[in-house]
Amino acid sequence: MISEKIVALFIPIICSLGAFTMIVFIRKFENDEKMAMIAKGIMPPPKGLKVNPANSLRWGLLAIGVGLGLLVGNFLETSLGFSEDVAYFSMIFIFGGLGLLASYFLQMKINQKEESESQG
């Protein structure tokens, strides 16, 4: 029988080889797709990451909300005697949700401003 130590040794090796193989095949298929597009006369999209400011706003306000939730949860636990689980989890979700709502309304305001500037 195969010993447990040998199996434990092979797991990271197999995972690493699998990840490497996956990356190689993804790159190969992306290249094949671009070559097919060029052969048909279609210009492939430029490579590079596009930063969406709306996503940055959303994630930033979510992080602020979670941080405030942790702070308020700590206050509720230490000062008012709330249960640790209730204080932290409820405040994280409440303030995280408020952060997402704030990002939604700010983004709507920005979109309306851009719309009015483009029309006028």
N, C-alpha and C. Protein backbone atom coordinates (compact mmCIF):
# COMPACT_ATOMS: atom_id res chain seq x y z
N MET A 1 0.82 -1.18 0.00
CA MET A 1 0.00 0.00 0.00
C MET A 1 0.87 1.25 0.00
N ILE A 2 0.33 2.31 -0.55
CA ILE A 2 1.06 3.57 -0.60
C ILE A 2 0.95 4.25 0.76
N SER A 3 2.08 4.68 1.25
CA SER A 3 2.05 5.30 2.57
C SER A 3 1.48 6.72 2.48
N GLU A 4 0.99 7.20 3.60
CA GLU A 4 0.37 8.52 3.65
C GLU A 4 1.38 9.62 3.39
N LYS A 5 2.65 9.39 3.75
CA LYS A 5 3.67 10.41 3.54
C LYS A 5 3.94 10.61 2.05
N ILE A 6 3.91 9.52 1.30
CA ILE A 6 4.15 9.63 -0.15
C ILE A 6 3.00 10.38 -0.81
N VAL A 7 1.78 10.07 -0.41
CA VAL A 7 0.61 10.75 -0.95
C VAL A 7 0.69 12.24 -0.61
N ALA A 8 1.05 12.54 0.64
CA ALA A 8 1.17 13.93 1.06
C ALA A 8 2.27 14.66 0.28
N LEU A 9 3.29 13.95 -0.16
CA LEU A 9 4.36 14.54 -0.95
C LEU A 9 3.89 14.82 -2.37
N PHE A 10 3.09 13.94 -2.93
CA PHE A 10 2.65 14.09 -4.31
C PHE A 10 1.56 15.14 -4.49
N ILE A 11 0.78 15.44 -3.48
CA ILE A 11 -0.31 16.40 -3.63
C ILE A 11 0.19 17.77 -4.07
N PRO A 12 1.17 18.40 -3.40
CA PRO A 12 1.61 19.71 -3.89
C PRO A 12 2.29 19.65 -5.26
N ILE A 13 2.98 18.54 -5.53
CA ILE A 13 3.64 18.40 -6.84
C ILE A 13 2.59 18.35 -7.94
N ILE A 14 1.57 17.54 -7.76
CA ILE A 14 0.52 17.39 -8.77
C ILE A 14 -0.26 18.71 -8.92
N CYS A 15 -0.54 19.39 -7.81
CA CYS A 15 -1.25 20.67 -7.89
C CYS A 15 -0.42 21.70 -8.64
N SER A 16 0.87 21.75 -8.38
CA SER A 16 1.74 22.70 -9.08
C SER A 16 1.81 22.40 -10.57
N LEU A 17 1.95 21.14 -10.92
CA LEU A 17 1.98 20.76 -12.33
C LEU A 17 0.65 21.06 -13.00
N GLY A 18 -0.45 20.81 -12.31
CA GLY A 18 -1.77 21.11 -12.86
C GLY A 18 -1.95 22.60 -13.11
N ALA A 19 -1.53 23.42 -12.17
CA ALA A 19 -1.65 24.87 -12.32
C ALA A 19 -0.79 25.36 -13.48
N PHE A 20 0.44 24.85 -13.58
CA PHE A 20 1.33 25.22 -14.67
C PHE A 20 0.73 24.83 -16.02
N THR A 21 0.21 23.62 -16.11
CA THR A 21 -0.39 23.14 -17.36
C THR A 21 -1.60 23.99 -17.73
N MET A 22 -2.41 24.34 -16.75
CA MET A 22 -3.58 25.16 -17.01
C MET A 22 -3.17 26.52 -17.56
N ILE A 23 -2.15 27.14 -16.98
CA ILE A 23 -1.70 28.45 -17.44
C ILE A 23 -1.17 28.36 -18.86
N VAL A 24 -0.40 27.32 -19.17
CA VAL A 24 0.14 27.15 -20.51
C VAL A 24 -0.98 27.00 -21.53
N PHE A 25 -1.98 26.19 -21.22
CA PHE A 25 -3.07 25.98 -22.17
C PHE A 25 -3.93 27.23 -22.32
N ILE A 26 -4.16 27.96 -21.25
CA ILE A 26 -4.92 29.21 -21.36
C ILE A 26 -4.20 30.19 -22.28
N ARG A 27 -2.90 30.34 -22.10
CA ARG A 27 -2.13 31.24 -22.97
C ARG A 27 -2.16 30.77 -24.42
N LYS A 28 -2.07 29.45 -24.63
CA LYS A 28 -2.09 28.91 -25.98
C LYS A 28 -3.43 29.19 -26.66
N PHE A 29 -4.53 28.97 -25.94
CA PHE A 29 -5.84 29.20 -26.53
C PHE A 29 -6.11 30.68 -26.77
N GLU A 30 -5.62 31.55 -25.89
CA GLU A 30 -5.75 32.99 -26.12
C GLU A 30 -5.00 33.40 -27.38
N ASN A 31 -3.80 32.84 -27.56
CA ASN A 31 -3.01 33.15 -28.74
C ASN A 31 -3.71 32.63 -30.00
N ASP A 32 -4.23 31.40 -29.94
CA ASP A 32 -4.96 30.85 -31.09
C ASP A 32 -6.17 31.71 -31.45
N GLU A 33 -6.87 32.20 -30.43
CA GLU A 33 -8.04 33.04 -30.67
C GLU A 33 -7.63 34.35 -31.35
N LYS A 34 -6.55 34.96 -30.88
CA LYS A 34 -6.08 36.20 -31.49
C LYS A 34 -5.62 35.98 -32.93
N MET A 35 -4.94 34.85 -33.17
CA MET A 35 -4.48 34.56 -34.52
C MET A 35 -5.66 34.34 -35.47
N ALA A 36 -6.73 33.69 -34.98
CA ALA A 36 -7.92 33.50 -35.80
C ALA A 36 -8.59 34.83 -36.10
N MET A 37 -8.60 35.73 -35.13
CA MET A 37 -9.19 37.05 -35.35
C MET A 37 -8.39 37.82 -36.40
N ILE A 38 -7.07 37.75 -36.32
CA ILE A 38 -6.23 38.44 -37.29
C ILE A 38 -6.43 37.85 -38.68
N ALA A 39 -6.57 36.53 -38.76
CA ALA A 39 -6.78 35.87 -40.05
C ALA A 39 -8.10 36.31 -40.69
N LYS A 40 -9.10 36.62 -39.88
CA LYS A 40 -10.39 37.07 -40.41
C LYS A 40 -10.43 38.57 -40.62
N GLY A 41 -9.35 39.27 -40.29
CA GLY A 41 -9.27 40.70 -40.50
C GLY A 41 -9.84 41.52 -39.35
N ILE A 42 -10.04 40.90 -38.21
CA ILE A 42 -10.55 41.60 -37.04
C ILE A 42 -9.37 41.95 -36.15
N MET A 43 -9.37 43.19 -35.69
CA MET A 43 -8.29 43.62 -34.80
C MET A 43 -8.59 43.14 -33.38
N PRO A 44 -7.69 42.34 -32.78
CA PRO A 44 -7.93 41.89 -31.41
C PRO A 44 -7.87 43.06 -30.43
N PRO A 45 -8.63 42.98 -29.36
CA PRO A 45 -8.63 44.09 -28.39
C PRO A 45 -7.24 44.24 -27.75
N PRO A 46 -6.88 45.46 -27.39
CA PRO A 46 -5.56 45.66 -26.78
C PRO A 46 -5.48 44.97 -25.42
N LYS A 47 -4.28 44.48 -25.14
CA LYS A 47 -4.08 43.79 -23.88
C LYS A 47 -3.78 44.81 -22.80
N GLY A 48 -4.30 44.57 -21.63
CA GLY A 48 -4.06 45.48 -20.52
C GLY A 48 -5.30 45.55 -19.65
N LEU A 49 -5.10 45.95 -18.44
CA LEU A 49 -6.21 46.05 -17.51
C LEU A 49 -6.80 47.45 -17.56
N LYS A 50 -8.12 47.49 -17.66
CA LYS A 50 -8.81 48.77 -17.61
C LYS A 50 -9.35 48.93 -16.20
N VAL A 51 -9.05 50.05 -15.61
CA VAL A 51 -9.51 50.31 -14.25
C VAL A 51 -10.85 51.04 -14.34
N ASN A 52 -11.84 50.47 -13.71
CA ASN A 52 -13.16 51.08 -13.67
C ASN A 52 -13.28 51.87 -12.37
N PRO A 53 -13.44 53.20 -12.46
CA PRO A 53 -13.52 54.00 -11.23
C PRO A 53 -14.71 53.62 -10.36
N ALA A 54 -15.79 53.14 -10.97
CA ALA A 54 -16.96 52.75 -10.18
C ALA A 54 -16.63 51.57 -9.28
N ASN A 55 -15.83 50.64 -9.77
CA ASN A 55 -15.43 49.50 -8.92
C ASN A 55 -14.54 49.95 -7.77
N SER A 56 -13.65 50.88 -8.05
CA SER A 56 -12.78 51.39 -6.99
C SER A 56 -13.60 52.09 -5.91
N LEU A 57 -14.58 52.87 -6.34
CA LEU A 57 -15.46 53.54 -5.38
C LEU A 57 -16.23 52.52 -4.55
N ARG A 58 -16.77 51.51 -5.22
CA ARG A 58 -17.57 50.48 -4.53
C ARG A 58 -16.73 49.74 -3.50
N TRP A 59 -15.55 49.29 -3.90
CA TRP A 59 -14.70 48.52 -2.97
C TRP A 59 -14.17 49.39 -1.84
N GLY A 60 -13.87 50.65 -2.16
CA GLY A 60 -13.37 51.55 -1.12
C GLY A 60 -14.43 51.82 -0.06
N LEU A 61 -15.64 52.12 -0.49
CA LEU A 61 -16.69 52.39 0.49
C LEU A 61 -17.09 51.12 1.24
N LEU A 62 -17.02 49.97 0.58
CA LEU A 62 -17.29 48.71 1.28
C LEU A 62 -16.25 48.47 2.37
N ALA A 63 -14.98 48.72 2.06
CA ALA A 63 -13.92 48.54 3.06
C ALA A 63 -14.09 49.51 4.22
N ILE A 64 -14.45 50.75 3.92
CA ILE A 64 -14.70 51.72 4.99
C ILE A 64 -15.87 51.26 5.85
N GLY A 65 -16.93 50.76 5.21
CA GLY A 65 -18.09 50.28 5.96
C GLY A 65 -17.75 49.10 6.85
N VAL A 66 -16.96 48.16 6.34
CA VAL A 66 -16.57 47.00 7.14
C VAL A 66 -15.69 47.45 8.31
N GLY A 67 -14.79 48.38 8.06
CA GLY A 67 -13.95 48.90 9.14
C GLY A 67 -14.77 49.58 10.22
N LEU A 68 -15.73 50.39 9.80
CA LEU A 68 -16.61 51.04 10.78
C LEU A 68 -17.46 50.00 11.52
N GLY A 69 -17.88 48.96 10.81
CA GLY A 69 -18.65 47.89 11.45
C GLY A 69 -17.84 47.18 12.52
N LEU A 70 -16.57 46.92 12.24
CA LEU A 70 -15.71 46.30 13.24
C LEU A 70 -15.53 47.21 14.45
N LEU A 71 -15.35 48.49 14.18
CA LEU A 71 -15.17 49.45 15.27
C LEU A 71 -16.41 49.55 16.15
N VAL A 72 -17.58 49.66 15.52
CA VAL A 72 -18.82 49.75 16.28
C VAL A 72 -19.12 48.42 16.98
N GLY A 73 -18.81 47.29 16.31
CA GLY A 73 -18.99 45.99 16.94
C GLY A 73 -18.14 45.84 18.18
N ASN A 74 -16.92 46.32 18.13
CA ASN A 74 -16.05 46.29 19.31
C ASN A 74 -16.62 47.15 20.43
N PHE A 75 -17.13 48.33 20.07
CA PHE A 75 -17.74 49.20 21.07
C PHE A 75 -18.95 48.52 21.71
N LEU A 76 -19.80 47.90 20.89
CA LEU A 76 -20.99 47.24 21.42
C LEU A 76 -20.62 46.09 22.35
N GLU A 77 -19.56 45.36 21.99
CA GLU A 77 -19.16 44.22 22.81
C GLU A 77 -18.58 44.69 24.15
N THR A 78 -17.67 45.65 24.10
CA THR A 78 -16.98 46.05 25.33
C THR A 78 -17.83 46.95 26.23
N SER A 79 -18.56 47.88 25.64
CA SER A 79 -19.28 48.86 26.46
C SER A 79 -20.69 48.42 26.84
N LEU A 80 -21.40 47.83 25.91
CA LEU A 80 -22.80 47.52 26.15
C LEU A 80 -23.06 46.06 26.46
N GLY A 81 -22.02 45.23 26.41
CA GLY A 81 -22.15 43.84 26.80
C GLY A 81 -22.83 42.94 25.78
N PHE A 82 -22.83 43.32 24.52
CA PHE A 82 -23.41 42.46 23.48
C PHE A 82 -22.55 41.21 23.31
N SER A 83 -23.15 40.17 22.79
CA SER A 83 -22.40 38.96 22.46
C SER A 83 -21.41 39.29 21.35
N GLU A 84 -20.24 38.68 21.41
CA GLU A 84 -19.19 38.97 20.43
C GLU A 84 -19.66 38.69 19.01
N ASP A 85 -20.24 37.52 18.79
CA ASP A 85 -20.69 37.14 17.45
C ASP A 85 -21.74 38.11 16.92
N VAL A 86 -22.72 38.41 17.74
CA VAL A 86 -23.80 39.30 17.31
C VAL A 86 -23.26 40.69 17.00
N ALA A 87 -22.44 41.22 17.88
CA ALA A 87 -21.93 42.58 17.71
C ALA A 87 -21.12 42.71 16.42
N TYR A 88 -20.17 41.83 16.23
CA TYR A 88 -19.29 41.97 15.07
C TYR A 88 -20.00 41.68 13.75
N PHE A 89 -20.68 40.54 13.67
CA PHE A 89 -21.28 40.17 12.39
C PHE A 89 -22.39 41.13 11.99
N SER A 90 -23.22 41.54 12.92
CA SER A 90 -24.31 42.45 12.55
C SER A 90 -23.76 43.80 12.10
N MET A 91 -22.78 44.31 12.80
CA MET A 91 -22.25 45.62 12.43
C MET A 91 -21.47 45.57 11.12
N ILE A 92 -20.75 44.48 10.88
CA ILE A 92 -20.04 44.35 9.60
C ILE A 92 -21.03 44.36 8.45
N PHE A 93 -22.10 43.59 8.56
CA PHE A 93 -23.08 43.54 7.47
C PHE A 93 -23.84 44.85 7.34
N ILE A 94 -24.21 45.47 8.44
CA ILE A 94 -24.96 46.73 8.36
C ILE A 94 -24.10 47.83 7.74
N PHE A 95 -22.89 48.02 8.25
CA PHE A 95 -22.06 49.09 7.73
C PHE A 95 -21.50 48.76 6.34
N GLY A 96 -21.23 47.48 6.06
CA GLY A 96 -20.82 47.11 4.71
C GLY A 96 -21.93 47.39 3.71
N GLY A 97 -23.16 47.05 4.08
CA GLY A 97 -24.30 47.35 3.21
C GLY A 97 -24.51 48.85 3.03
N LEU A 98 -24.32 49.61 4.11
CA LEU A 98 -24.43 51.07 3.99
C LEU A 98 -23.35 51.63 3.06
N GLY A 99 -22.15 51.05 3.12
CA GLY A 99 -21.09 51.47 2.21
C GLY A 99 -21.44 51.19 0.76
N LEU A 100 -22.04 50.01 0.50
CA LEU A 100 -22.45 49.69 -0.87
C LEU A 100 -23.59 50.59 -1.33
N LEU A 101 -24.53 50.90 -0.44
CA LEU A 101 -25.62 51.83 -0.79
C LEU A 101 -25.06 53.22 -1.09
N ALA A 102 -24.12 53.66 -0.29
CA ALA A 102 -23.50 54.97 -0.53
C ALA A 102 -22.79 54.99 -1.88
N SER A 103 -22.09 53.90 -2.22
CA SER A 103 -21.41 53.87 -3.52
C SER A 103 -22.41 53.88 -4.66
N TYR A 104 -23.55 53.22 -4.48
CA TYR A 104 -24.59 53.20 -5.52
C TYR A 104 -25.13 54.61 -5.75
N PHE A 105 -25.49 55.31 -4.65
CA PHE A 105 -26.04 56.64 -4.81
C PHE A 105 -25.01 57.63 -5.34
N LEU A 106 -23.76 57.51 -4.91
CA LEU A 106 -22.71 58.38 -5.44
C LEU A 106 -22.50 58.12 -6.93
N GLN A 107 -22.52 56.86 -7.34
CA GLN A 107 -22.33 56.54 -8.75
C GLN A 107 -23.50 57.04 -9.59
N MET A 108 -24.71 56.94 -9.05
CA MET A 108 -25.87 57.49 -9.76
C MET A 108 -25.74 59.00 -9.93
N LYS A 109 -25.28 59.68 -8.90
CA LYS A 109 -25.10 61.12 -8.96
C LYS A 109 -24.03 61.48 -10.00
N ILE A 110 -22.94 60.74 -10.02
CA ILE A 110 -21.88 60.98 -10.99
C ILE A 110 -22.39 60.74 -12.41
N ASN A 111 -23.15 59.67 -12.61
CA ASN A 111 -23.70 59.37 -13.94
C ASN A 111 -24.64 60.46 -14.41
N GLN A 112 -25.50 60.98 -13.52
CA GLN A 112 -26.41 62.06 -13.89
C GLN A 112 -25.64 63.32 -14.24
N LYS A 113 -24.59 63.60 -13.49
CA LYS A 113 -23.78 64.79 -13.77
C LYS A 113 -23.10 64.67 -15.14
N GLU A 114 -22.55 63.49 -15.43
CA GLU A 114 -21.90 63.27 -16.73
C GLU A 114 -22.92 63.36 -17.87
N GLU A 115 -24.13 62.85 -17.63
CA GLU A 115 -25.18 62.90 -18.65
C GLU A 115 -25.59 64.32 -18.95
N SER A 116 -25.75 65.12 -17.88
CA SER A 116 -26.16 66.51 -18.09
C SER A 116 -25.05 67.33 -18.76
N GLU A 117 -23.79 67.02 -18.48
CA GLU A 117 -22.68 67.73 -19.11
C GLU A 117 -22.56 67.35 -20.59
N SER A 118 -22.85 66.10 -20.91
CA SER A 118 -22.73 65.68 -22.32
C SER A 118 -23.88 66.22 -23.16
N GLN A 119 -25.03 66.46 -22.55
CA GLN A 119 -26.17 67.00 -23.30
C GLN A 119 -26.09 68.51 -23.46
N GLY A 120 -25.53 69.18 -22.46
CA GLY A 120 -25.53 70.65 -22.48
C GLY A 120 -24.23 71.17 -22.84
